[in-house]
Amino acid sequence: MPSPNTDTAFFGHPRGLSTLFFTEMWERFSYYGLRAILILYMMASPESGGLGFPLAKATAVYSLYASMNYLIALPGGWLADKFLGLRLAVLIGGVLIASGNGLMTLGTLQTFYLGLALIIVGTGFLKPNISTIVGTLYTQEDKRRDAGFSIYYMGINVGALIAPLIVGYLGQRVNWLYGFAAAGLFMLAGVVQFWIESKHLPRQIYSPVAASNIVEQRSNRRYLRICLGVLIAAAAGLFLVGITAERLADIFGTLLLIIIGAVLGFLLFTPTPNAYERRRLAVVCILFLTSALFWSVFEQAGSTLNLFAEQNTNNNLLGFDFPSTWYQSFNSIFLILLAPVFAALWIRLGDRQPSVPAKFALALLCAGLGFLILVPGAQWSASSKVSPLWLTAVYLVHTVGELCLSPVGLSAMTRLAPARMAGFIMGVFFLSISAGNYIGGRLAGFYESFPLPQLFGYVGGFAIFVALLFGLIVKPVARMMEQPAPASKEASA
């Protein structure tokens, strides 16, 4: 296959980008389709085909599902690095996601929970590793990297655009189970496409990163046995105790905090070959915290904003009544329109474009502004349902923020990560999304007990405050990223 520098077969980018574009498009179709209907399905009455969960239970399950989708990316990336290789991990993940959606079509409470579990594990295998593969298409110095990730991200959002339209319509207007079936079938199509077209991807994705010595090999196997033992023991304990969803969500929040502390501590204090690598791992930790806060605001699209669309918004346009889940396509519409603009902008600006930390600060500012925009709409919705334009404005501003953070963050992680930790570092980035999803999901539990203008105002105001604080350290963090690597074989490994 052509070298990364000369391969321009896909709109000026390596041909393998098209393979990853379509695989991730269908995976995101499955994820965003389920996200659009999940909380509404759980709260729908059994007579209408739903589960009849109260708000507290539905938001607890939703926060667990949304958060664990990204938390499992951490071991998913590690297993790919050490045992599976990136290609096999992606294939396993896709099969598990399709199987989980299939189980949910059976309509029982047991298959609902089991299906969610399979989707969570499958996403953990697929999501971080397919993003890591995108990074292998480019050299470290290739100026197309950020643009390539923006194109890849546009593929994500093609799936995210059509998913609520199809899955949301089938779920809300026909049968909830048909929505799950559609998500599973399209994920299966993505798996087949990846399997056939992966021949155009770099050969290193077929094998795990080799352990440097026998001690490291034994250490990897020991860690794997310990993790599997803890997982089996925890699952058995929860099953025997018969713990409620609300209590499980509380326990998971504590566990998530411990995991975050352990991971950041590992990155900051793990032995490194030189100060250059230590600085880059410190930058990963800083970007992690900013990213987690951004996603805690942005990812309320499937919880708080989803409920606002269903209960407080007049879902009628020019006499046409549309499902409330369709609002979740707005973000993807704006992304598809704006992603090429941002990709071209970064290339045109070249070395003059804002630094990665500056883009993160802008993203957090946009996330906060989006919720502040909705405060007057929330006030007026107390007396009557409000215009769809309120949510449209929120999704537009949030989309600008997302384009400043998500594709840029994916690119930054592949650039900052040492080769031996590439999958793990991508898992760290997705851990920040896990934390954000958990917080955003739990905040939806206040929807009925807290005045909406205050809830939205507090969320938006806090995000803007942190964005301004982070802006004070943007330049020092950017300098840490830009310092050149030492001229040694060890640093370039």
Protein backbone atom coordinates (compact mmCIF):
# COMPACT_ATOMS: atom_id res chain seq x y z
CA MET A 1 0.00 0.00 0.00
CA PRO A 2 1.18 3.62 -0.53
CA SER A 3 3.12 5.28 2.26
CA PRO A 4 1.15 7.64 4.57
CA ASN A 5 2.81 10.67 2.99
CA THR A 6 1.90 9.79 -0.62
CA ASP A 7 -1.52 8.13 -0.23
CA THR A 8 -4.16 10.70 -1.23
CA ALA A 9 -6.84 8.37 -2.64
CA PHE A 10 -9.69 9.53 -0.35
CA PHE A 11 -10.23 13.27 -0.88
CA GLY A 12 -6.52 13.92 -0.44
CA HIS A 13 -6.24 11.51 2.50
CA PRO A 14 -5.15 7.83 2.75
CA ARG A 15 -7.62 5.33 1.27
CA GLY A 16 -7.93 3.54 4.60
CA LEU A 17 -9.73 6.60 5.99
CA SER A 18 -12.77 5.66 3.89
CA THR A 19 -12.90 2.21 5.54
CA LEU A 20 -12.80 3.72 9.01
CA PHE A 21 -15.25 6.47 7.98
CA PHE A 22 -18.00 3.98 7.09
CA THR A 23 -17.34 1.52 9.93
CA GLU A 24 -17.58 4.23 12.53
CA MET A 25 -20.59 5.74 10.75
CA TRP A 26 -22.62 2.55 11.34
CA GLU A 27 -21.33 2.09 14.88
CA ARG A 28 -22.46 5.60 15.70
CA PHE A 29 -25.78 4.92 14.00
CA SER A 30 -26.29 2.12 16.51
CA TYR A 31 -25.14 4.21 19.48
CA TYR A 32 -27.04 7.41 18.71
CA GLY A 33 -30.12 5.53 17.65
CA LEU A 34 -30.24 3.81 21.02
CA ARG A 35 -29.38 7.04 22.85
CA ALA A 36 -32.32 8.78 21.18
CA ILE A 37 -34.94 6.34 22.46
CA LEU A 38 -33.40 4.73 25.54
CA ILE A 39 -34.62 7.02 28.31
CA LEU A 40 -38.01 7.48 26.60
CA TYR A 41 -38.41 3.69 26.18
CA MET A 42 -37.64 3.09 29.84
CA MET A 43 -40.14 5.74 30.98
CA ALA A 44 -42.89 4.71 28.53
CA SER A 45 -45.78 2.74 30.03
CA PRO A 46 -45.89 -1.05 29.58
CA GLU A 47 -49.15 -0.57 27.68
CA SER A 48 -47.25 1.39 25.01
CA GLY A 49 -44.47 -1.17 24.89
CA GLY A 50 -42.11 0.53 27.33
CA LEU A 51 -40.66 -0.55 30.67
CA GLY A 52 -42.57 1.87 32.92
CA PHE A 53 -39.50 3.04 34.90
CA PRO A 54 -39.84 6.16 37.08
CA LEU A 55 -37.56 9.11 36.26
CA ALA A 56 -35.00 8.32 38.97
CA LYS A 57 -34.53 4.74 37.79
CA ALA A 58 -34.52 5.61 34.09
CA THR A 59 -31.88 8.34 34.52
CA ALA A 60 -29.78 6.04 36.72
CA VAL A 61 -29.78 3.29 34.08
CA TYR A 62 -29.15 5.83 31.32
CA SER A 63 -26.18 7.38 33.14
CA LEU A 64 -24.70 3.92 33.75
CA TYR A 65 -25.15 2.91 30.12
CA ALA A 66 -23.81 6.13 28.61
CA SER A 67 -20.87 6.33 31.00
CA MET A 68 -19.80 2.69 30.83
CA ASN A 69 -19.83 2.79 27.01
CA TYR A 70 -16.76 4.97 27.28
CA LEU A 71 -15.29 3.63 30.52
CA ILE A 72 -14.83 0.19 28.98
CA ALA A 73 -12.77 1.90 26.28
CA LEU A 74 -9.92 1.95 28.80
CA PRO A 75 -9.52 -1.85 29.13
CA GLY A 76 -10.59 -2.18 25.49
CA GLY A 77 -7.61 -0.13 24.37
CA TRP A 78 -5.26 -1.96 26.74
CA LEU A 79 -6.39 -5.40 25.54
CA ALA A 80 -5.89 -4.34 21.94
CA ASP A 81 -2.39 -3.05 22.73
CA LYS A 82 -1.27 -6.13 24.63
CA PHE A 83 -3.23 -9.13 23.32
CA LEU A 84 -5.59 -8.62 20.38
CA GLY A 85 -4.29 -6.02 17.97
CA LEU A 86 -6.41 -3.11 16.78
CA ARG A 87 -8.15 -4.90 13.89
CA LEU A 88 -9.39 -7.89 15.90
CA ALA A 89 -10.56 -5.63 18.74
CA VAL A 90 -12.69 -3.60 16.30
CA LEU A 91 -14.23 -6.76 14.81
CA ILE A 92 -15.04 -8.21 18.24
CA GLY A 93 -16.58 -4.92 19.32
CA GLY A 94 -18.82 -4.66 16.28
CA VAL A 95 -20.13 -8.21 16.68
CA LEU A 96 -20.92 -7.63 20.37
CA ILE A 97 -22.78 -4.38 19.63
CA ALA A 98 -24.91 -6.00 16.92
CA SER A 99 -25.66 -8.96 19.24
CA GLY A 100 -26.66 -6.66 22.09
CA ASN A 101 -29.15 -4.78 19.96
CA GLY A 102 -30.51 -8.10 18.76
CA LEU A 103 -31.11 -9.27 22.32
CA MET A 104 -33.00 -6.07 23.14
CA THR A 105 -35.52 -6.80 20.39
CA LEU A 106 -36.76 -9.76 22.47
CA GLY A 107 -38.54 -7.30 24.77
CA THR A 108 -37.89 -8.84 28.21
CA LEU A 109 -36.27 -7.05 31.14
CA GLN A 110 -33.51 -9.68 31.32
CA THR A 111 -32.56 -9.40 27.63
CA PHE A 112 -32.78 -5.60 27.91
CA TYR A 113 -30.08 -5.52 30.59
CA LEU A 114 -27.98 -8.24 28.93
CA GLY A 115 -28.22 -6.42 25.58
CA LEU A 116 -27.07 -3.16 27.18
CA ALA A 117 -24.12 -5.02 28.75
CA LEU A 118 -23.02 -6.47 25.41
CA ILE A 119 -23.29 -3.07 23.71
CA ILE A 120 -21.20 -1.50 26.46
CA VAL A 121 -18.43 -4.10 26.15
CA GLY A 122 -18.54 -3.98 22.36
CA THR A 123 -18.24 -0.20 22.27
CA GLY A 124 -15.29 -0.45 24.65
CA PHE A 125 -13.49 -2.68 22.16
CA LEU A 126 -14.43 -0.79 18.99
CA LYS A 127 -14.49 2.91 19.84
CA PRO A 128 -10.95 3.64 21.11
CA ASN A 129 -9.22 1.26 18.74
CA ILE A 130 -10.80 2.42 15.51
CA SER A 131 -9.86 5.99 16.45
CA THR A 132 -6.30 4.82 17.11
CA ILE A 133 -6.22 3.23 13.65
CA VAL A 134 -7.01 6.64 12.13
CA GLY A 135 -3.82 7.94 13.74
CA THR A 136 -1.77 5.17 12.10
CA LEU A 137 -2.68 6.54 8.66
CA TYR A 138 -0.54 9.66 9.21
CA THR A 139 2.99 10.43 10.29
CA GLN A 140 3.51 12.60 13.36
CA GLU A 141 4.47 15.58 11.17
CA ASP A 142 1.63 15.22 8.63
CA LYS A 143 -0.32 18.49 8.52
CA ARG A 144 -3.39 16.54 7.36
CA ARG A 145 -3.87 14.86 10.76
CA ASP A 146 -6.43 17.26 12.29
CA ALA A 147 -8.22 17.55 8.94
CA GLY A 148 -8.29 13.75 8.60
CA PHE A 149 -9.82 13.38 12.04
CA SER A 150 -12.38 16.04 11.14
CA ILE A 151 -13.37 14.06 8.03
CA TYR A 152 -13.52 10.89 10.13
CA TYR A 153 -15.63 12.79 12.64
CA MET A 154 -17.98 13.84 9.87
CA GLY A 155 -18.50 10.12 9.15
CA ILE A 156 -19.42 9.63 12.78
CA ASN A 157 -22.04 12.30 12.44
CA VAL A 158 -23.57 11.00 9.25
CA GLY A 159 -24.51 7.94 11.33
CA ALA A 160 -25.57 10.13 14.23
CA LEU A 161 -27.74 12.22 11.89
CA ILE A 162 -29.79 9.43 10.34
CA ALA A 163 -30.00 7.33 13.52
CA PRO A 164 -32.60 9.43 15.43
CA LEU A 165 -34.60 9.91 12.24
CA ILE A 166 -34.89 6.17 11.61
CA VAL A 167 -34.53 4.59 15.06
CA GLY A 168 -36.41 7.43 16.76
CA TYR A 169 -39.30 7.25 14.34
CA LEU A 170 -39.55 3.45 14.53
CA GLY A 171 -39.35 3.53 18.32
CA GLN A 172 -41.75 6.37 19.07
CA ARG A 173 -44.23 5.94 16.23
CA VAL A 174 -44.18 2.19 15.40
CA ASN A 175 -42.64 -0.10 18.02
CA TRP A 176 -39.73 0.43 20.39
CA LEU A 177 -38.27 -2.97 19.53
CA TYR A 178 -38.09 -2.13 15.82
CA GLY A 179 -35.75 0.70 16.74
CA PHE A 180 -33.37 -1.72 18.45
CA ALA A 181 -33.53 -4.05 15.45
CA ALA A 182 -32.56 -1.27 13.03
CA ALA A 183 -29.58 -0.30 15.21
CA GLY A 184 -28.34 -3.89 15.27
CA LEU A 185 -28.71 -4.52 11.54
CA PHE A 186 -26.75 -1.44 10.53
CA MET A 187 -24.00 -2.25 13.02
CA LEU A 188 -23.72 -5.67 11.40
CA ALA A 189 -23.33 -3.96 8.03
CA GLY A 190 -20.48 -1.91 9.47
CA VAL A 191 -18.69 -5.04 10.72
CA VAL A 192 -18.88 -6.71 7.30
CA GLN A 193 -17.61 -3.58 5.58
CA PHE A 194 -14.63 -3.29 7.93
CA TRP A 195 -13.72 -6.96 7.58
CA ILE A 196 -13.69 -6.74 3.78
CA GLU A 197 -11.95 -3.37 3.44
CA SER A 198 -9.39 -3.58 6.26
CA LYS A 199 -6.81 -4.78 3.70
CA HIS A 200 -6.29 -1.08 2.90
CA LEU A 201 -5.17 -0.31 6.46
CA PRO A 202 -1.59 -0.38 7.84
CA ARG A 203 -0.27 -3.84 8.67
CA GLN A 204 0.64 -2.96 12.25
CA ILE A 205 -3.06 -3.01 13.24
CA TYR A 206 -3.13 -6.81 12.81
CA SER A 207 -0.83 -7.52 15.77
CA PRO A 208 -0.60 -6.29 19.36
CA VAL A 209 2.37 -4.21 20.43
CA ALA A 210 5.04 -6.74 21.38
CA ALA A 211 6.11 -6.80 25.02
CA SER A 212 9.73 -5.71 25.37
CA ASN A 213 10.72 -8.64 27.58
CA ILE A 214 9.44 -11.73 29.35
CA VAL A 215 8.84 -9.77 32.57
CA GLU A 216 6.45 -7.41 30.78
CA GLN A 217 4.65 -10.36 29.16
CA ARG A 218 4.10 -12.01 32.54
CA SER A 219 3.00 -8.69 34.04
CA ASN A 220 0.41 -8.20 31.28
CA ARG A 221 -1.03 -11.68 31.80
CA ARG A 222 -1.15 -11.15 35.57
CA TYR A 223 -3.01 -7.85 35.20
CA LEU A 224 -5.48 -9.54 32.84
CA ARG A 225 -6.20 -12.36 35.33
CA ILE A 226 -6.65 -9.87 38.17
CA CYS A 227 -9.04 -7.70 36.14
CA LEU A 228 -11.13 -10.66 35.03
CA GLY A 229 -11.30 -11.96 38.60
CA VAL A 230 -12.43 -8.60 39.97
CA LEU A 231 -15.02 -8.23 37.20
CA ILE A 232 -16.51 -11.71 37.77
CA ALA A 233 -16.56 -11.25 41.55
CA ALA A 234 -18.23 -7.82 41.25
CA ALA A 235 -20.87 -9.10 38.82
CA ALA A 236 -21.63 -12.09 41.04
CA GLY A 237 -21.88 -9.91 44.13
CA LEU A 238 -24.28 -7.45 42.52
CA PHE A 239 -26.43 -10.32 41.23
CA LEU A 240 -26.65 -11.97 44.65
CA VAL A 241 -27.42 -8.74 46.48
CA GLY A 242 -30.09 -7.72 43.95
CA ILE A 243 -29.05 -4.08 44.05
CA THR A 244 -31.34 -1.38 42.62
CA ALA A 245 -30.39 0.67 39.56
CA GLU A 246 -30.28 3.88 41.59
CA ARG A 247 -27.94 2.41 44.18
CA LEU A 248 -25.79 0.84 41.48
CA ALA A 249 -25.44 4.22 39.80
CA ASP A 250 -24.30 5.74 43.10
CA ILE A 251 -21.72 2.98 43.58
CA PHE A 252 -20.55 3.37 40.01
CA GLY A 253 -20.04 7.10 40.51
CA THR A 254 -17.70 6.41 43.43
CA LEU A 255 -15.91 3.71 41.45
CA LEU A 256 -15.56 6.05 38.47
CA LEU A 257 -13.96 8.70 40.68
CA ILE A 258 -11.48 6.13 42.02
CA ILE A 259 -10.66 4.93 38.50
CA ILE A 260 -10.08 8.49 37.29
CA GLY A 261 -7.76 9.18 40.22
CA ALA A 262 -5.85 5.94 39.61
CA VAL A 263 -5.49 6.57 35.87
CA LEU A 264 -4.34 10.17 36.24
CA GLY A 265 -1.96 9.11 39.00
CA PHE A 266 -0.55 6.40 36.76
CA LEU A 267 0.01 8.85 33.91
CA LEU A 268 1.67 11.41 36.16
CA PHE A 269 3.93 9.02 38.09
CA THR A 270 4.59 6.11 35.75
CA PRO A 271 8.30 5.67 34.91
CA THR A 272 9.12 7.37 31.59
CA PRO A 273 12.27 7.39 29.44
CA ASN A 274 12.68 11.18 29.64
CA ALA A 275 11.17 14.51 30.69
CA TYR A 276 9.74 15.00 27.19
CA GLU A 277 7.39 12.03 27.56
CA ARG A 278 6.47 13.01 31.12
CA ARG A 279 5.42 16.48 29.96
CA ARG A 280 3.24 15.00 27.24
CA LEU A 281 1.51 12.67 29.70
CA ALA A 282 0.91 15.64 31.98
CA VAL A 283 -0.79 17.43 29.07
CA VAL A 284 -3.02 14.37 28.58
CA CYS A 285 -4.15 14.74 32.22
CA ILE A 286 -4.90 18.46 31.80
CA LEU A 287 -6.88 17.91 28.61
CA PHE A 288 -8.69 15.03 30.30
CA LEU A 289 -10.16 17.27 33.00
CA THR A 290 -11.30 19.91 30.51
CA SER A 291 -12.79 17.28 28.23
CA ALA A 292 -14.70 15.62 31.09
CA LEU A 293 -16.39 18.89 32.03
CA PHE A 294 -17.26 19.67 28.41
CA TRP A 295 -18.92 16.27 27.91
CA SER A 296 -20.83 16.56 31.20
CA VAL A 297 -22.60 19.55 29.61
CA PHE A 298 -22.75 18.40 26.00
CA GLU A 299 -23.93 14.84 26.65
CA GLN A 300 -27.12 15.98 28.33
CA ALA A 301 -28.53 15.80 24.81
CA GLY A 302 -29.73 12.26 25.51
CA SER A 303 -31.05 13.00 29.00
CA THR A 304 -31.96 16.55 30.12
CA LEU A 305 -32.36 18.02 26.63
CA ASN A 306 -34.18 14.88 25.47
CA LEU A 307 -36.72 15.31 28.28
CA PHE A 308 -37.04 19.04 27.51
CA ALA A 309 -37.78 18.17 23.87
CA GLU A 310 -40.43 15.62 24.86
CA GLN A 311 -42.15 17.51 27.68
CA ASN A 312 -41.52 21.23 27.19
CA THR A 313 -41.17 21.82 23.44
CA ASN A 314 -43.84 22.19 20.75
CA ASN A 315 -42.69 19.54 18.29
CA ASN A 316 -44.54 20.93 15.32
CA LEU A 317 -43.11 22.62 12.25
CA LEU A 318 -45.41 24.13 9.63
CA GLY A 319 -48.22 21.83 10.73
CA PHE A 320 -46.04 18.70 10.77
CA ASP A 321 -45.76 16.87 14.10
CA PHE A 322 -42.40 15.15 14.42
CA PRO A 323 -40.94 12.80 17.07
CA SER A 324 -39.03 14.56 19.84
CA THR A 325 -36.04 12.28 19.20
CA TRP A 326 -35.43 14.08 15.90
CA TYR A 327 -33.87 17.01 17.76
CA GLN A 328 -30.84 14.82 18.38
CA SER A 329 -30.15 14.88 14.65
CA PHE A 330 -29.72 18.67 14.77
CA ASN A 331 -26.24 18.36 16.26
CA SER A 332 -25.18 16.05 13.43
CA ILE A 333 -26.74 18.28 10.75
CA PHE A 334 -24.68 21.20 12.00
CA LEU A 335 -21.59 19.00 12.28
CA ILE A 336 -21.87 17.77 8.71
CA LEU A 337 -22.28 21.35 7.50
CA LEU A 338 -19.51 22.79 9.65
CA ALA A 339 -16.93 19.96 9.84
CA PRO A 340 -15.58 20.60 6.31
CA VAL A 341 -15.42 24.31 7.14
CA PHE A 342 -13.40 23.67 10.29
CA ALA A 343 -11.18 21.10 8.55
CA ALA A 344 -10.41 23.61 5.79
CA LEU A 345 -9.92 26.38 8.35
CA TRP A 346 -7.30 24.43 10.33
CA ILE A 347 -5.41 23.61 7.12
CA ARG A 348 -5.59 27.20 5.86
CA LEU A 349 -4.37 28.60 9.17
CA GLY A 350 -1.60 26.01 9.40
CA ASP A 351 0.84 27.03 12.15
CA ARG A 352 -1.33 30.08 12.93
CA GLN A 353 -4.34 28.06 14.09
CA PRO A 354 -5.26 28.10 17.82
CA SER A 355 -3.38 25.59 19.93
CA VAL A 356 -5.07 22.41 21.12
CA PRO A 357 -5.57 23.79 24.69
CA ALA A 358 -7.06 27.00 23.23
CA LYS A 359 -9.52 24.96 21.18
CA PHE A 360 -10.51 23.05 24.33
CA ALA A 361 -11.16 26.31 26.19
CA LEU A 362 -13.33 27.58 23.33
CA ALA A 363 -15.28 24.31 23.36
CA LEU A 364 -16.05 24.60 27.06
CA LEU A 365 -17.13 28.21 26.60
CA CYS A 366 -19.58 27.16 23.86
CA ALA A 367 -20.98 24.36 26.04
CA GLY A 368 -21.80 26.83 28.79
CA LEU A 369 -23.28 29.41 26.41
CA GLY A 370 -25.60 26.79 24.97
CA PHE A 371 -27.28 26.19 28.32
CA LEU A 372 -27.47 29.89 29.15
CA ILE A 373 -29.33 30.41 25.86
CA LEU A 374 -31.96 27.93 27.04
CA VAL A 375 -32.63 29.66 30.37
CA PRO A 376 -35.33 32.07 28.99
CA GLY A 377 -36.89 29.20 27.04
CA ALA A 378 -37.07 27.15 30.23
CA GLN A 379 -38.81 30.04 32.00
CA TRP A 380 -41.45 30.38 29.28
CA SER A 381 -41.98 26.62 29.07
CA ALA A 382 -43.49 26.70 32.56
CA SER A 383 -46.70 28.14 31.06
CA SER A 384 -46.68 26.67 27.55
CA LYS A 385 -44.50 24.58 25.28
CA VAL A 386 -41.84 26.62 23.53
CA SER A 387 -40.64 26.88 19.94
CA PRO A 388 -38.20 24.31 18.47
CA LEU A 389 -35.84 27.23 17.78
CA TRP A 390 -34.64 27.19 21.39
CA LEU A 391 -33.20 23.70 21.14
CA THR A 392 -31.98 24.44 17.62
CA ALA A 393 -29.88 27.33 18.95
CA VAL A 394 -28.50 25.17 21.77
CA TYR A 395 -27.41 22.41 19.39
CA LEU A 396 -25.79 24.92 17.03
CA VAL A 397 -23.64 26.47 19.75
CA HIS A 398 -22.79 23.07 21.25
CA THR A 399 -21.79 21.82 17.80
CA VAL A 400 -19.26 24.62 17.39
CA GLY A 401 -17.82 23.62 20.76
CA GLU A 402 -17.72 19.95 19.80
CA LEU A 403 -15.77 20.69 16.62
CA CYS A 404 -13.21 22.58 18.68
CA LEU A 405 -12.71 19.65 21.04
CA SER A 406 -13.66 16.19 19.86
CA PRO A 407 -11.82 15.66 16.53
CA VAL A 408 -8.98 17.81 17.81
CA GLY A 409 -8.83 15.78 21.03
CA LEU A 410 -8.74 12.49 19.13
CA SER A 411 -5.86 13.79 17.02
CA ALA A 412 -4.03 15.16 20.07
CA MET A 413 -4.23 11.84 21.91
CA THR A 414 -2.66 9.95 19.01
CA ARG A 415 0.09 12.58 18.85
CA LEU A 416 0.79 12.74 22.58
CA ALA A 417 0.68 9.00 23.27
CA PRO A 418 3.90 6.95 23.39
CA ALA A 419 3.69 4.07 20.88
CA ARG A 420 3.57 1.45 23.65
CA MET A 421 0.49 3.17 25.18
CA ALA A 422 -1.41 4.33 22.09
CA GLY A 423 -4.59 2.35 22.74
CA PHE A 424 -4.50 3.07 26.46
CA ILE A 425 -4.15 6.84 25.97
CA MET A 426 -7.10 6.81 23.56
CA GLY A 427 -8.98 4.95 26.28
CA VAL A 428 -8.06 7.74 28.71
CA PHE A 429 -9.65 10.29 26.37
CA PHE A 430 -12.82 8.20 26.25
CA LEU A 431 -12.71 7.91 30.03
CA SER A 432 -13.22 11.69 30.10
CA ILE A 433 -16.35 11.20 27.97
CA SER A 434 -17.44 8.46 30.38
CA ALA A 435 -17.18 10.84 33.31
CA GLY A 436 -19.08 13.51 31.39
CA ASN A 437 -21.84 11.09 30.40
CA TYR A 438 -22.27 9.94 33.98
CA ILE A 439 -22.57 13.48 35.34
CA GLY A 440 -24.89 14.57 32.54
CA GLY A 441 -27.13 11.54 33.04
CA ARG A 442 -27.41 12.03 36.78
CA LEU A 443 -28.21 15.73 36.37
CA ALA A 444 -31.33 14.68 34.46
CA GLY A 445 -32.60 13.23 37.74
CA PHE A 446 -33.18 16.82 38.91
CA TYR A 447 -35.43 17.55 35.94
CA GLU A 448 -38.70 17.19 37.87
CA SER A 449 -37.48 18.41 41.27
CA PHE A 450 -35.41 21.48 40.36
CA PRO A 451 -36.60 24.66 38.57
CA LEU A 452 -35.39 24.32 34.98
CA PRO A 453 -34.13 27.93 34.58
CA GLN A 454 -31.93 27.50 37.64
CA LEU A 455 -30.74 24.04 36.58
CA PHE A 456 -29.76 25.25 33.12
CA GLY A 457 -28.27 28.48 34.50
CA TYR A 458 -26.06 26.69 37.02
CA VAL A 459 -24.81 24.22 34.41
CA GLY A 460 -24.02 26.92 31.85
CA GLY A 461 -22.53 29.39 34.31
CA PHE A 462 -20.18 26.83 35.86
CA ALA A 463 -18.91 25.70 32.45
CA ILE A 464 -18.15 29.28 31.41
CA PHE A 465 -16.37 29.98 34.72
CA VAL A 466 -14.09 26.96 34.28
CA ALA A 467 -13.45 27.85 30.62
CA LEU A 468 -12.19 31.28 31.69
CA LEU A 469 -9.95 29.73 34.36
CA PHE A 470 -8.53 27.25 31.88
CA GLY A 471 -7.86 30.09 29.47
CA LEU A 472 -5.26 31.42 31.94
CA ILE A 473 -3.02 28.35 31.46
CA VAL A 474 -3.56 27.77 27.74
CA LYS A 475 -0.17 29.14 26.68
CA PRO A 476 1.94 27.14 29.20
CA VAL A 477 0.11 23.93 28.28
CA ALA A 478 0.59 24.64 24.56
CA ARG A 479 4.33 25.12 25.14
CA MET A 480 4.48 21.74 26.88
CA MET A 481 2.94 20.14 23.78
CA GLU A 482 5.16 21.96 21.30
CA GLN A 483 8.55 21.25 22.87
CA PRO A 484 10.54 19.07 20.45
CA ALA A 485 11.41 15.47 21.23
CA PRO A 486 14.98 14.68 22.27
CA ALA A 487 17.09 13.25 19.49
CA SER A 488 17.24 9.67 20.77
CA LYS A 489 15.99 6.28 19.70
CA GLU A 490 14.22 5.88 23.02
CA ALA A 491 12.17 9.02 22.59
CA SER A 492 11.05 8.08 19.12
CA ALA A 493 10.02 4.54 20.10
